[in-house]
C-alpha atoms as a PDB file:
ATOM      1  CA  UNK A   1     -18.009  25.652  18.669  1.00  0.00           C
ATOM      2  CA  UNK A   2     -14.493  24.970  17.379  1.00  0.00           C
ATOM      3  CA  UNK A   3     -13.263  21.455  17.142  1.00  0.00           C
ATOM      4  CA  UNK A   4      -9.577  20.881  17.213  1.00  0.00           C
ATOM      5  CA  UNK A   5      -8.270  18.254  14.880  1.00  0.00           C
ATOM      6  CA  UNK A   6      -5.453  16.565  16.891  1.00  0.00           C
ATOM      7  CA  UNK A   7      -3.235  13.655  15.760  1.00  0.00           C
ATOM      8  CA  UNK A   8      -4.337  13.477  12.157  1.00  0.00           C
ATOM      9  CA  UNK A   9      -4.114  10.226  10.161  1.00  0.00           C
ATOM     10  CA  UNK A  10      -3.058  11.086   6.793  1.00  0.00           C
ATOM     11  CA  UNK A  11      -3.114   9.123   3.601  1.00  0.00           C
ATOM     12  CA  UNK A  12      -1.973  10.503   0.294  1.00  0.00           C
ATOM     13  CA  UNK A  13      -3.485   9.411  -2.719  1.00  0.00           C
ATOM     14  CA  UNK A  14      -1.728   9.916  -6.223  1.00  0.00           C
ATOM     15  CA  UNK A  15      -2.563   8.854  -9.812  1.00  0.00           C
ATOM     16  CA  UNK A  16       0.356   7.797 -12.231  1.00  0.00           C
ATOM     17  CA  UNK A  17      -0.474   9.627 -15.522  1.00  0.00           C
ATOM     18  CA  UNK A  18       1.823   7.260 -17.308  1.00  0.00           C
ATOM     19  CA  UNK A  19       0.310   3.996 -15.918  1.00  0.00           C
ATOM     20  CA  UNK A  20      -1.015   2.710 -19.196  1.00  0.00           C
ATOM     21  CA  UNK A  21       2.532   2.922 -20.746  1.00  0.00           C
ATOM     22  CA  UNK A  22       4.080   0.662 -18.065  1.00  0.00           C
ATOM     23  CA  UNK A  23       1.036  -1.639 -17.031  1.00  0.00           C
ATOM     24  CA  UNK A  24       1.459  -4.510 -19.679  1.00  0.00           C
ATOM     25  CA  UNK A  25       5.256  -4.812 -19.504  1.00  0.00           C
ATOM     26  CA  UNK A  26       5.191  -4.884 -15.612  1.00  0.00           C
ATOM     27  CA  UNK A  27       2.502  -7.468 -15.500  1.00  0.00           C
ATOM     28  CA  UNK A  28       4.438  -9.424 -17.709  1.00  0.00           C
ATOM     29  CA  UNK A  29       7.566  -9.142 -15.666  1.00  0.00           C
ATOM     30  CA  UNK A  30       5.542 -10.139 -12.514  1.00  0.00           C
ATOM     31  CA  UNK A  31       4.248 -13.199 -14.124  1.00  0.00           C
ATOM     32  CA  UNK A  32       7.790 -14.264 -15.178  1.00  0.00           C
ATOM     33  CA  UNK A  33       9.133 -13.554 -11.649  1.00  0.00           C
ATOM     34  CA  UNK A  34       6.271 -15.822 -10.212  1.00  0.00           C
ATOM     35  CA  UNK A  35       7.540 -18.713 -12.301  1.00  0.00           C
ATOM     36  CA  UNK A  36      11.230 -18.237 -11.262  1.00  0.00           C
ATOM     37  CA  UNK A  37      11.184 -17.121  -7.712  1.00  0.00           C
ATOM     38  CA  UNK A  38       9.902 -18.670  -4.372  1.00  0.00           C
ATOM     39  CA  UNK A  39       7.025 -17.173  -2.605  1.00  0.00           C
ATOM     40  CA  UNK A  40       8.143 -14.773   0.323  1.00  0.00           C
ATOM     41  CA  UNK A  41       6.196 -13.533   3.362  1.00  0.00           C
ATOM     42  CA  UNK A  42       6.596 -16.924   5.270  1.00  0.00           C
ATOM     43  CA  UNK A  43       5.237 -15.344   8.550  1.00  0.00           C
ATOM     44  CA  UNK A  44       1.972 -14.143   6.984  1.00  0.00           C
ATOM     45  CA  UNK A  45      -1.303 -15.516   7.798  1.00  0.00           C
ATOM     46  CA  UNK A  46      -2.615 -15.209   4.111  1.00  0.00           C
ATOM     47  CA  UNK A  47      -1.118 -17.326   1.396  1.00  0.00           C
ATOM     48  CA  UNK A  48      -1.040 -15.017  -1.411  1.00  0.00           C
ATOM     49  CA  UNK A  49       2.128 -15.061  -3.535  1.00  0.00           C
ATOM     50  CA  UNK A  50       4.553 -12.134  -2.795  1.00  0.00           C
ATOM     51  CA  UNK A  51       8.105 -11.341  -3.024  1.00  0.00           C
ATOM     52  CA  UNK A  52       8.645 -10.070   0.453  1.00  0.00           C
ATOM     53  CA  UNK A  53      12.184 -11.367   1.475  1.00  0.00           C
ATOM     54  CA  UNK A  54      12.698 -13.136  -1.739  1.00  0.00           C
ATOM     55  CA  UNK A  55      13.047 -10.186  -4.348  1.00  0.00           C
ATOM     56  CA  UNK A  56      13.364  -6.444  -3.851  1.00  0.00           C
ATOM     57  CA  UNK A  57      11.768  -4.400  -6.547  1.00  0.00           C
ATOM     58  CA  UNK A  58      14.647  -1.967  -6.283  1.00  0.00           C
ATOM     59  CA  UNK A  59      17.028  -4.743  -7.492  1.00  0.00           C
ATOM     60  CA  UNK A  60      15.252  -5.277 -10.647  1.00  0.00           C
ATOM     61  CA  UNK A  61      15.986  -2.633 -13.576  1.00  0.00           C
ATOM     62  CA  UNK A  62      12.580  -3.085 -15.109  1.00  0.00           C
ATOM     63  CA  UNK A  63      10.974  -1.436 -12.161  1.00  0.00           C
ATOM     64  CA  UNK A  64      13.323   1.487 -11.889  1.00  0.00           C
ATOM     65  CA  UNK A  65      11.120   4.157 -13.641  1.00  0.00           C
ATOM     66  CA  UNK A  66       8.152   3.229 -11.474  1.00  0.00           C
ATOM     67  CA  UNK A  67      10.426   3.070  -8.301  1.00  0.00           C
ATOM     68  CA  UNK A  68      11.623   6.539  -8.953  1.00  0.00           C
ATOM     69  CA  UNK A  69       8.154   7.969  -9.464  1.00  0.00           C
ATOM     70  CA  UNK A  70       6.924   6.303  -6.213  1.00  0.00           C
ATOM     71  CA  UNK A  71       9.917   7.823  -4.283  1.00  0.00           C
ATOM     72  CA  UNK A  72       9.308  11.250  -5.746  1.00  0.00           C
ATOM     73  CA  UNK A  73       5.767  11.143  -4.304  1.00  0.00           C
ATOM     74  CA  UNK A  74       6.834   9.551  -1.089  1.00  0.00           C
ATOM     75  CA  UNK A  75       9.272  12.590  -0.586  1.00  0.00           C
ATOM     76  CA  UNK A  76       6.368  14.974  -1.386  1.00  0.00           C
ATOM     77  CA  UNK A  77       4.282  13.307   1.369  1.00  0.00           C
ATOM     78  CA  UNK A  78       7.161  13.330   3.817  1.00  0.00           C
ATOM     79  CA  UNK A  79       7.540  17.073   3.257  1.00  0.00           C
ATOM     80  CA  UNK A  80       3.627  17.678   3.554  1.00  0.00           C
ATOM     81  CA  UNK A  81       3.434  15.940   7.033  1.00  0.00           C
ATOM     82  CA  UNK A  82       6.439  17.998   8.277  1.00  0.00           C
ATOM     83  CA  UNK A  83       9.602  16.369   7.252  1.00  0.00           C
ATOM     84  CA  UNK A  84      11.042  19.321   5.609  1.00  0.00           C
ATOM     85  CA  UNK A  85      14.959  19.160   5.337  1.00  0.00           C
ATOM     86  CA  UNK A  86      15.118  15.284   5.199  1.00  0.00           C
ATOM     87  CA  UNK A  87      15.319  12.567   2.486  1.00  0.00           C
ATOM     88  CA  UNK A  88      13.666   9.278   2.355  1.00  0.00           C
ATOM     89  CA  UNK A  89      15.378   5.822   1.481  1.00  0.00           C
ATOM     90  CA  UNK A  90      13.519   2.827   0.298  1.00  0.00           C
ATOM     91  CA  UNK A  91      14.493  -0.039   2.760  1.00  0.00           C
ATOM     92  CA  UNK A  92      12.494  -2.793   0.856  1.00  0.00           C
ATOM     93  CA  UNK A  93       9.904  -3.310  -1.767  1.00  0.00           C
ATOM     94  CA  UNK A  94       8.108  -6.297  -3.100  1.00  0.00           C
ATOM     95  CA  UNK A  95       4.960  -7.233  -5.230  1.00  0.00           C
ATOM     96  CA  UNK A  96       1.690  -9.005  -4.096  1.00  0.00           C
ATOM     97  CA  UNK A  97      -0.147 -11.167  -6.529  1.00  0.00           C
ATOM     98  CA  UNK A  98      -3.656 -11.732  -5.198  1.00  0.00           C
ATOM     99  CA  UNK A  99      -5.772 -14.577  -6.705  1.00  0.00           C
ATOM    100  CA  UNK A 100      -9.224 -15.521  -5.941  1.00  0.00           C
ATOM    101  CA  UNK A 101      -9.839 -15.815  -1.926  1.00  0.00           C
ATOM    102  CA  UNK A 102      -6.296 -14.165  -1.204  1.00  0.00           C
ATOM    103  CA  UNK A 103      -6.309 -11.446   1.230  1.00  0.00           C
ATOM    104  CA  UNK A 104      -3.955  -9.723   3.528  1.00  0.00           C
ATOM    105  CA  UNK A 105      -4.494  -9.723   7.458  1.00  0.00           C
ATOM    106  CA  UNK A 106      -4.577  -6.361   9.655  1.00  0.00           C
ATOM    107  CA  UNK A 107      -0.820  -5.386  10.057  1.00  0.00           C
ATOM    108  CA  UNK A 108       1.536  -2.343  10.373  1.00  0.00           C
ATOM    109  CA  UNK A 109       5.149  -1.965   8.875  1.00  0.00           C
ATOM    110  CA  UNK A 110       7.041  -1.523  12.124  1.00  0.00           C
ATOM    111  CA  UNK A 111      10.648  -0.384  11.765  1.00  0.00           C
ATOM    112  CA  UNK A 112      10.005   1.889   8.885  1.00  0.00           C
ATOM    113  CA  UNK A 113       8.480   5.490   8.652  1.00  0.00           C
ATOM    114  CA  UNK A 114       6.447   5.721   5.554  1.00  0.00           C
ATOM    115  CA  UNK A 115       4.661   2.956   3.476  1.00  0.00           C
ATOM    116  CA  UNK A 116       3.522   3.081  -0.017  1.00  0.00           C
ATOM    117  CA  UNK A 117       1.263   0.724  -2.074  1.00  0.00           C
ATOM    118  CA  UNK A 118       1.031   1.079  -6.098  1.00  0.00           C
ATOM    119  CA  UNK A 119      -1.667  -0.836  -7.897  1.00  0.00           C
ATOM    120  CA  UNK A 120      -0.565  -2.161 -11.063  1.00  0.00           C
ATOM    121  CA  UNK A 121      -3.765  -4.134 -11.787  1.00  0.00           C
ATOM    122  CA  UNK A 122      -6.846  -4.407  -9.619  1.00  0.00           C
ATOM    123  CA  UNK A 123     -10.100  -5.817 -11.233  1.00  0.00           C
ATOM    124  CA  UNK A 124     -13.354  -5.272  -9.764  1.00  0.00           C
ATOM    125  CA  UNK A 125     -14.073  -7.307  -6.615  1.00  0.00           C
ATOM    126  CA  UNK A 126     -10.316  -7.978  -6.211  1.00  0.00           C
ATOM    127  CA  UNK A 127     -10.170  -6.759  -2.557  1.00  0.00           C
ATOM    128  CA  UNK A 128     -10.516  -3.062  -1.094  1.00  0.00           C
ATOM    129  CA  UNK A 129      -7.625  -1.853   1.436  1.00  0.00           C
ATOM    130  CA  UNK A 130      -9.072  -0.850   4.832  1.00  0.00           C
ATOM    131  CA  UNK A 131      -7.267   1.522   7.225  1.00  0.00           C
ATOM    132  CA  UNK A 132      -8.014   1.154  10.877  1.00  0.00           C
ATOM    133  CA  UNK A 133      -8.267   3.930  13.482  1.00  0.00           C
ATOM    134  CA  UNK A 134      -5.378   4.439  16.170  1.00  0.00           C
ATOM    135  CA  UNK A 135      -8.169   5.160  18.696  1.00  0.00           C
ATOM    136  CA  UNK A 136      -8.144   2.513  21.460  1.00  0.00           C
ATOM    137  CA  UNK A 137     -11.348   0.263  21.803  1.00  0.00           C
ATOM    138  CA  UNK A 138     -13.523   0.762  24.799  1.00  0.00           C
ATOM    139  CA  UNK A 139     -15.255   4.328  23.551  1.00  0.00           C
ATOM    140  CA  UNK A 140     -18.804   3.982  22.811  1.00  0.00           C
ATOM    141  CA  UNK A 141     -19.155   3.904  18.869  1.00  0.00           C
ATOM    142  CA  UNK A 142     -21.563   6.336  17.315  1.00  0.00           C
ATOM    143  CA  UNK A 143     -20.761   5.622  13.477  1.00  0.00           C
ATOM    144  CA  UNK A 144     -22.460   8.313  11.119  1.00  0.00           C
ATOM    145  CA  UNK A 145     -21.366   7.751   7.474  1.00  0.00           C
ATOM    146  CA  UNK A 146     -21.266  11.756   6.877  1.00  0.00           C
ATOM    147  CA  UNK A 147     -19.175  12.338   9.959  1.00  0.00           C
ATOM    148  CA  UNK A 148     -15.537  11.366   9.593  1.00  0.00           C
ATOM    149  CA  UNK A 149     -14.916  12.065  13.343  1.00  0.00           C
ATOM    150  CA  UNK A 150     -16.943   8.837  14.009  1.00  0.00           C
ATOM    151  CA  UNK A 151     -15.294   6.553  11.566  1.00  0.00           C
ATOM    152  CA  UNK A 152     -13.291   3.518  13.149  1.00  0.00           C
ATOM    153  CA  UNK A 153     -11.999   2.428   9.629  1.00  0.00           C
ATOM    154  CA  UNK A 154     -11.638   3.707   6.191  1.00  0.00           C
ATOM    155  CA  UNK A 155     -11.924   1.727   2.958  1.00  0.00           C
ATOM    156  CA  UNK A 156     -10.359   2.518  -0.486  1.00  0.00           C
ATOM    157  CA  UNK A 157     -11.265   0.352  -3.545  1.00  0.00           C
ATOM    158  CA  UNK A 158      -8.001   0.947  -5.539  1.00  0.00           C
ATOM    159  CA  UNK A 159      -7.678   1.722  -9.267  1.00  0.00           C
ATOM    160  CA  UNK A 160      -4.906   0.757 -11.611  1.00  0.00           C
ATOM    161  CA  UNK A 161      -2.266   3.545 -11.525  1.00  0.00           C
ATOM    162  CA  UNK A 162      -3.204   4.428  -7.969  1.00  0.00           C
ATOM    163  CA  UNK A 163      -0.472   5.149  -5.393  1.00  0.00           C
ATOM    164  CA  UNK A 164      -1.312   5.405  -1.495  1.00  0.00           C
ATOM    165  CA  UNK A 165       1.233   6.798   1.006  1.00  0.00           C
ATOM    166  CA  UNK A 166       0.872   6.827   4.577  1.00  0.00           C
ATOM    167  CA  UNK A 167       2.713   6.480   8.038  1.00  0.00           C
ATOM    168  CA  UNK A 168       4.004   2.874   8.425  1.00  0.00           C
ATOM    169  CA  UNK A 169       2.287   2.474  11.856  1.00  0.00           C
ATOM    170  CA  UNK A 170      -1.043   2.856  10.316  1.00  0.00           C
ATOM    171  CA  UNK A 171      -2.949  -0.406  10.746  1.00  0.00           C
ATOM    172  CA  UNK A 172      -4.301  -1.729   7.403  1.00  0.00           C
ATOM    173  CA  UNK A 173      -5.266  -4.976   5.608  1.00  0.00           C
ATOM    174  CA  UNK A 174      -6.803  -6.066   2.397  1.00  0.00           C
ATOM    175  CA  UNK A 175     -10.295  -7.815   1.971  1.00  0.00           C
ATOM    176  CA  UNK A 176     -10.475 -10.991   0.375  1.00  0.00           C
ATOM    177  CA  UNK A 177     -10.468 -11.148  -3.640  1.00  0.00           C
ATOM    178  CA  UNK A 178     -13.719 -12.427  -4.984  1.00  0.00           C
ATOM    179  CA  UNK A 179     -12.712 -12.531  -8.634  1.00  0.00           C
ATOM    180  CA  UNK A 180     -10.637 -14.899 -10.852  1.00  0.00           C
ATOM    181  CA  UNK A 181      -8.729 -12.127 -12.375  1.00  0.00           C
ATOM    182  CA  UNK A 182      -5.425 -11.456 -10.297  1.00  0.00           C
ATOM    183  CA  UNK A 183      -4.674  -8.101  -8.592  1.00  0.00           C
ATOM    184  CA  UNK A 184      -1.038  -7.045  -8.620  1.00  0.00           C
ATOM    185  CA  UNK A 185       0.113  -4.408  -6.025  1.00  0.00           C
ATOM    186  CA  UNK A 186       3.734  -3.201  -5.057  1.00  0.00           C
ATOM    187  CA  UNK A 187       4.626  -2.451  -1.469  1.00  0.00           C
ATOM    188  CA  UNK A 188       7.460  -0.007  -0.368  1.00  0.00           C
ATOM    189  CA  UNK A 189       8.848   0.773   3.065  1.00  0.00           C
ATOM    190  CA  UNK A 190      10.690   3.927   3.738  1.00  0.00           C
ATOM    191  CA  UNK A 191      12.893   5.377   6.265  1.00  0.00           C
ATOM    192  CA  UNK A 192      13.203   9.030   6.945  1.00  0.00           C
ATOM    193  CA  UNK A 193      16.952  10.070   7.052  1.00  0.00           C
END
């Protein structure tokens, strides 16, 4: 038997080899921003501190090197999924600061084409990211952990310096943090030009 793999869901996974060089300075910058800038994301169910709508990471010179690295890998992902002669443009970016009990509800990033999430710090038990199937409900479920054809969701436990890139219509959410240590992630929304 041959099984056709139609309509694949793709999530690119990159590791920043220079993460340790930037980690502490960017954590410090995020902490300074938290003390100066009002929390964004006012229409979110969760109450975590974020700069969505209050500070775009592309407007802060201290994030420039990382932003360029992220964009380079978003371009690589775009080419891999078929956007060969196009460019990508970051439309917005922000950081999320998760404290104990913070989470992010299920959501998509409508109005954009590609999303990226970079993990600056992510202590153990600070919340995994879960991606959800596009397949509509109603089909009898038959989950088998060894068979990805049966999966309705996919969980990644992020690591510091990890970058995830995926199409913006892929539903995802972040599990509740169970640790006192903060997790900091950067979110980017891109358009294909």
